[in-house]
C-alpha atoms as a PDB file:
ATOM      1  CA  MET A   1       0.163   0.090  -0.138  1.00  0.00           C
ATOM      2  CA  ARG A   2       2.798   2.399   0.619  1.00  0.00           C
ATOM      3  CA  ILE A   3       4.355   1.689  -2.766  1.00  0.00           C
ATOM      4  CA  TYR A   4       0.994   2.774  -4.328  1.00  0.00           C
ATOM      5  CA  ILE A   5       0.970   6.082  -2.028  1.00  0.00           C
ATOM      6  CA  PHE A   6       4.227   6.510  -3.156  1.00  0.00           C
ATOM      7  CA  LEU A   7       3.902   6.316  -6.884  1.00  0.00           C
ATOM      8  CA  PHE A   8       0.988   8.485  -6.687  1.00  0.00           C
ATOM      9  CA  LEU A   9       2.681  11.276  -4.700  1.00  0.00           C
ATOM     10  CA  THR A  10       5.728  10.826  -7.207  1.00  0.00           C
ATOM     11  CA  SER A  11       3.590  11.125 -10.065  1.00  0.00           C
ATOM     12  CA  CYS A  12       1.559  14.267  -8.956  1.00  0.00           C
ATOM     13  CA  LEU A  13       4.816  15.627  -8.243  1.00  0.00           C
ATOM     14  CA  MET A  14       5.938  15.174 -11.827  1.00  0.00           C
ATOM     15  CA  LEU A  15       2.740  16.269 -13.403  1.00  0.00           C
ATOM     16  CA  ALA A  16       3.254  19.494 -11.720  1.00  0.00           C
ATOM     17  CA  GLN A  17       6.687  20.023 -12.580  1.00  0.00           C
ATOM     18  CA  CYS A  18       5.493  19.305 -16.186  1.00  0.00           C
ATOM     19  CA  GLU A  19       2.758  22.009 -15.907  1.00  0.00           C
ATOM     20  CA  SER A  20       5.377  24.466 -14.463  1.00  0.00           C
ATOM     21  CA  ASP A  21       7.923  23.690 -17.020  1.00  0.00           C
ATOM     22  CA  LYS A  22       5.233  24.401 -19.999  1.00  0.00           C
ATOM     23  CA  ALA A  23       4.267  27.680 -18.521  1.00  0.00           C
ATOM     24  CA  GLN A  24       7.640  28.998 -18.469  1.00  0.00           C
ATOM     25  CA  ASP A  25       8.321  27.781 -21.929  1.00  0.00           C
ATOM     26  CA  ASN A  26       5.238  29.792 -22.932  1.00  0.00           C
ATOM     27  CA  ALA A  27       6.542  32.831 -21.219  1.00  0.00           C
ATOM     28  CA  PRO A  28       7.313  35.602 -23.684  1.00  0.00           C
ATOM     29  CA  GLU A  29      10.870  36.971 -23.776  1.00  0.00           C
ATOM     30  CA  ILE A  30      11.848  40.660 -24.209  1.00  0.00           C
ATOM     31  CA  SER A  31      15.150  42.541 -24.853  1.00  0.00           C
ATOM     32  CA  PHE A  32      16.007  46.107 -24.453  1.00  0.00           C
ATOM     33  CA  ILE A  33      16.828  47.903 -27.665  1.00  0.00           C
ATOM     34  CA  GLY A  34      17.058  51.888 -26.634  1.00  0.00           C
ATOM     35  CA  MET A  35      15.467  54.834 -25.419  1.00  0.00           C
ATOM     36  CA  ASN A  36      15.515  58.338 -27.250  1.00  0.00           C
ATOM     37  CA  LYS A  37      16.844  60.299 -24.522  1.00  0.00           C
ATOM     38  CA  ASP A  38      18.688  60.242 -20.898  1.00  0.00           C
ATOM     39  CA  ASN A  39      17.150  63.000 -19.304  1.00  0.00           C
ATOM     40  CA  ILE A  40      13.593  64.077 -18.829  1.00  0.00           C
ATOM     41  CA  ASN A  41      11.906  67.303 -16.856  1.00  0.00           C
ATOM     42  CA  GLN A  42      10.140  66.382 -14.027  1.00  0.00           C
ATOM     43  CA  GLY A  43       6.123  66.709 -13.958  1.00  0.00           C
ATOM     44  CA  SER A  44       3.001  65.392 -11.876  1.00  0.00           C
ATOM     45  CA  LEU A  45       0.637  65.162 -14.760  1.00  0.00           C
ATOM     46  CA  GLY A  46       3.135  63.385 -17.089  1.00  0.00           C
ATOM     47  CA  ILE A  47       2.660  65.556 -19.568  1.00  0.00           C
ATOM     48  CA  GLU A  48       5.552  67.888 -19.339  1.00  0.00           C
ATOM     49  CA  ASP A  49       7.994  65.333 -20.889  1.00  0.00           C
ATOM     50  CA  THR A  50       8.079  61.714 -22.134  1.00  0.00           C
ATOM     51  CA  LEU A  51      10.630  59.048 -22.479  1.00  0.00           C
ATOM     52  CA  ILE A  52      10.229  56.516 -25.672  1.00  0.00           C
ATOM     53  CA  VAL A  53      11.675  53.148 -24.800  1.00  0.00           C
ATOM     54  CA  GLY A  54      11.756  50.515 -27.433  1.00  0.00           C
ATOM     55  CA  PHE A  55      12.106  46.820 -26.995  1.00  0.00           C
ATOM     56  CA  SER A  56      11.887  43.515 -28.763  1.00  0.00           C
ATOM     57  CA  PHE A  57       9.693  40.393 -27.965  1.00  0.00           C
ATOM     58  CA  LEU A  58       9.695  36.899 -28.874  1.00  0.00           C
ATOM     59  CA  ASP A  59       6.303  34.996 -27.929  1.00  0.00           C
ATOM     60  CA  ILE A  60       6.646  31.346 -28.862  1.00  0.00           C
ATOM     61  CA  ASP A  61       2.986  30.373 -28.360  1.00  0.00           C
ATOM     62  CA  GLY A  62       1.572  33.469 -30.172  1.00  0.00           C
ATOM     63  CA  ASP A  63      -0.635  34.670 -27.859  1.00  0.00           C
ATOM     64  CA  VAL A  64       0.850  38.123 -26.997  1.00  0.00           C
ATOM     65  CA  GLY A  65      -0.886  41.400 -28.072  1.00  0.00           C
ATOM     66  CA  GLY A  66      -4.526  43.159 -27.663  1.00  0.00           C
ATOM     67  CA  LEU A  67      -6.199  44.134 -24.536  1.00  0.00           C
ATOM     68  CA  ASN A  68      -5.125  41.066 -22.324  1.00  0.00           C
ATOM     69  CA  SER A  69      -1.620  41.320 -22.911  1.00  0.00           C
ATOM     70  CA  ASN A  70       0.013  44.320 -20.624  1.00  0.00           C
ATOM     71  CA  ILE A  71       3.379  46.101 -20.704  1.00  0.00           C
ATOM     72  CA  VAL A  72       4.211  46.910 -16.844  1.00  0.00           C
ATOM     73  CA  VAL A  73       6.738  49.778 -16.251  1.00  0.00           C
ATOM     74  CA  ILE A  74       8.429  49.900 -12.781  1.00  0.00           C
ATOM     75  CA  ASP A  75       9.860  52.823 -11.182  1.00  0.00           C
ATOM     76  CA  ASN A  76      13.063  51.574  -9.630  1.00  0.00           C
ATOM     77  CA  ARG A  77      13.255  53.988  -7.225  1.00  0.00           C
ATOM     78  CA  ASN A  78      10.362  52.612  -5.100  1.00  0.00           C
ATOM     79  CA  GLY A  79       9.518  49.547  -6.839  1.00  0.00           C
ATOM     80  CA  GLU A  80       5.924  50.731  -7.538  1.00  0.00           C
ATOM     81  CA  VAL A  81       4.237  50.137 -11.242  1.00  0.00           C
ATOM     82  CA  HIS A  82       4.529  53.760 -12.674  1.00  0.00           C
ATOM     83  CA  LEU A  83       2.578  52.367 -15.863  1.00  0.00           C
ATOM     84  CA  THR A  84       0.539  49.654 -17.218  1.00  0.00           C
ATOM     85  CA  ASN A  85      -0.391  49.692 -21.072  1.00  0.00           C
ATOM     86  CA  SER A  86      -1.704  47.457 -23.415  1.00  0.00           C
ATOM     87  CA  MET A  87       0.484  45.522 -26.096  1.00  0.00           C
ATOM     88  CA  PRO A  88      -0.653  46.278 -29.613  1.00  0.00           C
ATOM     89  CA  GLU A  89      -3.233  43.974 -31.304  1.00  0.00           C
ATOM     90  CA  LEU A  90      -1.113  41.119 -33.076  1.00  0.00           C
ATOM     91  CA  PRO A  91      -2.564  38.241 -34.877  1.00  0.00           C
ATOM     92  CA  ALA A  92      -2.865  34.873 -33.292  1.00  0.00           C
ATOM     93  CA  SER A  93      -0.164  32.632 -34.605  1.00  0.00           C
ATOM     94  CA  ASP A  94       0.453  29.202 -33.916  1.00  0.00           C
ATOM     95  CA  ASN A  95       4.387  29.934 -35.114  1.00  0.00           C
ATOM     96  CA  GLY A  96       4.860  32.474 -32.310  1.00  0.00           C
ATOM     97  CA  ASN A  97       4.855  36.124 -32.579  1.00  0.00           C
ATOM     98  CA  LYS A  98       8.223  38.465 -32.577  1.00  0.00           C
ATOM     99  CA  GLY A  99       8.732  42.105 -33.136  1.00  0.00           C
ATOM    100  CA  GLN A 100       9.502  45.469 -31.814  1.00  0.00           C
ATOM    101  CA  VAL A 101       7.673  47.787 -29.527  1.00  0.00           C
ATOM    102  CA  SER A 102       8.011  51.370 -28.487  1.00  0.00           C
ATOM    103  CA  ILE A 103       6.402  52.642 -25.583  1.00  0.00           C
ATOM    104  CA  GLU A 104       6.085  56.491 -24.225  1.00  0.00           C
ATOM    105  CA  ILE A 105       6.438  56.716 -20.402  1.00  0.00           C
ATOM    106  CA  PRO A 106       5.343  59.781 -19.039  1.00  0.00           C
ATOM    107  CA  THR A 107       7.318  61.747 -16.711  1.00  0.00           C
ATOM    108  CA  LEU A 108       7.078  61.806 -12.945  1.00  0.00           C
ATOM    109  CA  CYS A 109       8.208  63.763  -9.633  1.00  0.00           C
ATOM    110  CA  CYS A 110      11.388  63.783  -8.128  1.00  0.00           C
ATOM    111  CA  VAL A 111      11.215  62.406  -4.669  1.00  0.00           C
ATOM    112  CA  PHE A 112      13.615  63.358  -1.844  1.00  0.00           C
ATOM    113  CA  GLU A 113      14.903  61.555   1.110  1.00  0.00           C
ATOM    114  CA  ASP A 114      14.634  64.609   3.456  1.00  0.00           C
ATOM    115  CA  ASN A 115      11.010  64.845   3.258  1.00  0.00           C
ATOM    116  CA  THR A 116      10.751  67.936   0.600  1.00  0.00           C
ATOM    117  CA  PRO A 117       7.406  67.377  -1.013  1.00  0.00           C
ATOM    118  CA  PRO A 118       7.652  65.509  -4.506  1.00  0.00           C
ATOM    119  CA  CYS A 119       7.857  67.659  -7.475  1.00  0.00           C
ATOM    120  CA  SER A 120       9.713  70.221  -5.832  1.00  0.00           C
ATOM    121  CA  ALA A 121      12.766  72.114  -7.152  1.00  0.00           C
ATOM    122  CA  PRO A 122      15.128  72.520  -4.436  1.00  0.00           C
ATOM    123  CA  PHE A 123      18.633  74.216  -5.105  1.00  0.00           C
ATOM    124  CA  SER A 124      20.304  71.528  -2.893  1.00  0.00           C
ATOM    125  CA  GLN A 125      19.052  68.702  -5.101  1.00  0.00           C
ATOM    126  CA  PRO A 126      18.488  69.651  -8.943  1.00  0.00           C
ATOM    127  CA  THR A 127      18.030  66.118 -10.218  1.00  0.00           C
ATOM    128  CA  ASN A 128      17.160  62.373  -9.403  1.00  0.00           C
ATOM    129  CA  THR A 129      18.540  59.427 -11.041  1.00  0.00           C
ATOM    130  CA  LEU A 130      16.141  56.703 -11.818  1.00  0.00           C
ATOM    131  CA  SER A 131      15.404  53.485 -14.224  1.00  0.00           C
ATOM    132  CA  PHE A 132      12.622  51.580 -15.073  1.00  0.00           C
ATOM    133  CA  ASN A 133      12.010  47.827 -15.127  1.00  0.00           C
ATOM    134  CA  ILE A 134       9.604  46.618 -18.042  1.00  0.00           C
ATOM    135  CA  TYR A 135       8.066  43.320 -18.624  1.00  0.00           C
ATOM    136  CA  ILE A 136       4.913  41.786 -20.697  1.00  0.00           C
ATOM    137  CA  ILE A 137       2.353  39.528 -19.732  1.00  0.00           C
ATOM    138  CA  ASP A 138       0.669  37.408 -22.501  1.00  0.00           C
ATOM    139  CA  LYS A 139      -3.025  36.627 -22.455  1.00  0.00           C
ATOM    140  CA  GLU A 140      -2.584  33.445 -20.593  1.00  0.00           C
ATOM    141  CA  GLY A 141      -0.943  35.396 -17.854  1.00  0.00           C
ATOM    142  CA  ASN A 142       2.758  34.029 -18.382  1.00  0.00           C
ATOM    143  CA  GLN A 143       5.300  36.938 -17.419  1.00  0.00           C
ATOM    144  CA  SER A 144       8.212  37.552 -19.661  1.00  0.00           C
ATOM    145  CA  ASN A 145      11.464  38.226 -18.059  1.00  0.00           C
ATOM    146  CA  GLU A 146      12.421  41.886 -17.124  1.00  0.00           C
ATOM    147  CA  ILE A 147      14.433  44.289 -18.613  1.00  0.00           C
ATOM    148  CA  SER A 148      15.762  47.548 -17.171  1.00  0.00           C
ATOM    149  CA  THR A 149      16.449  50.965 -18.723  1.00  0.00           C
ATOM    150  CA  PRO A 150      20.068  52.405 -17.977  1.00  0.00           C
ATOM    151  CA  ASP A 151      19.821  55.268 -15.692  1.00  0.00           C
ATOM    152  CA  ILE A 152      17.776  58.535 -16.612  1.00  0.00           C
ATOM    153  CA  VAL A 153      18.515  61.899 -15.170  1.00  0.00           C
ATOM    154  CA  LEU A 154      15.078  63.320 -13.828  1.00  0.00           C
ATOM    155  CA  ARG A 155      15.428  67.106 -13.591  1.00  0.00           C
ATOM    156  CA  CYS A 156      13.805  68.667 -10.709  1.00  0.00           C
ATOM    157  CA  ASN A 157      13.107  72.228 -12.181  1.00  0.00           C
END
């Protein structure tokens, strides 16, 4: 009886591992291409300045794109999501999808460690340095690897 229980549990673990590997194999992959500039002006509404970041993607199972696929941009100063946007609509493909995407990232406020209010322009701290992590999520919820932008100077003026 113990041998049957052992075999059953082993089979369950192997099946779970196969499902995990399958999901990992279906996750899209992205690679950083570049950005249009390395400095931007701060702003609270995101309309004062924007950064354009380009990346390439490869999705083996062809289910990336459209309303149920997201691009997630994280502000590395605080680890918070700065922007979530939909991927462009792409035709479903059994052969996978690959391409390049450019996204506009709106500016944000400078933050200060000395409790100076965000979006201020103190003489003592004229800039912030930040970077973004970016990943995509396909229609099945598989998350890609994360890419990081180079450092960006945020002018606190």
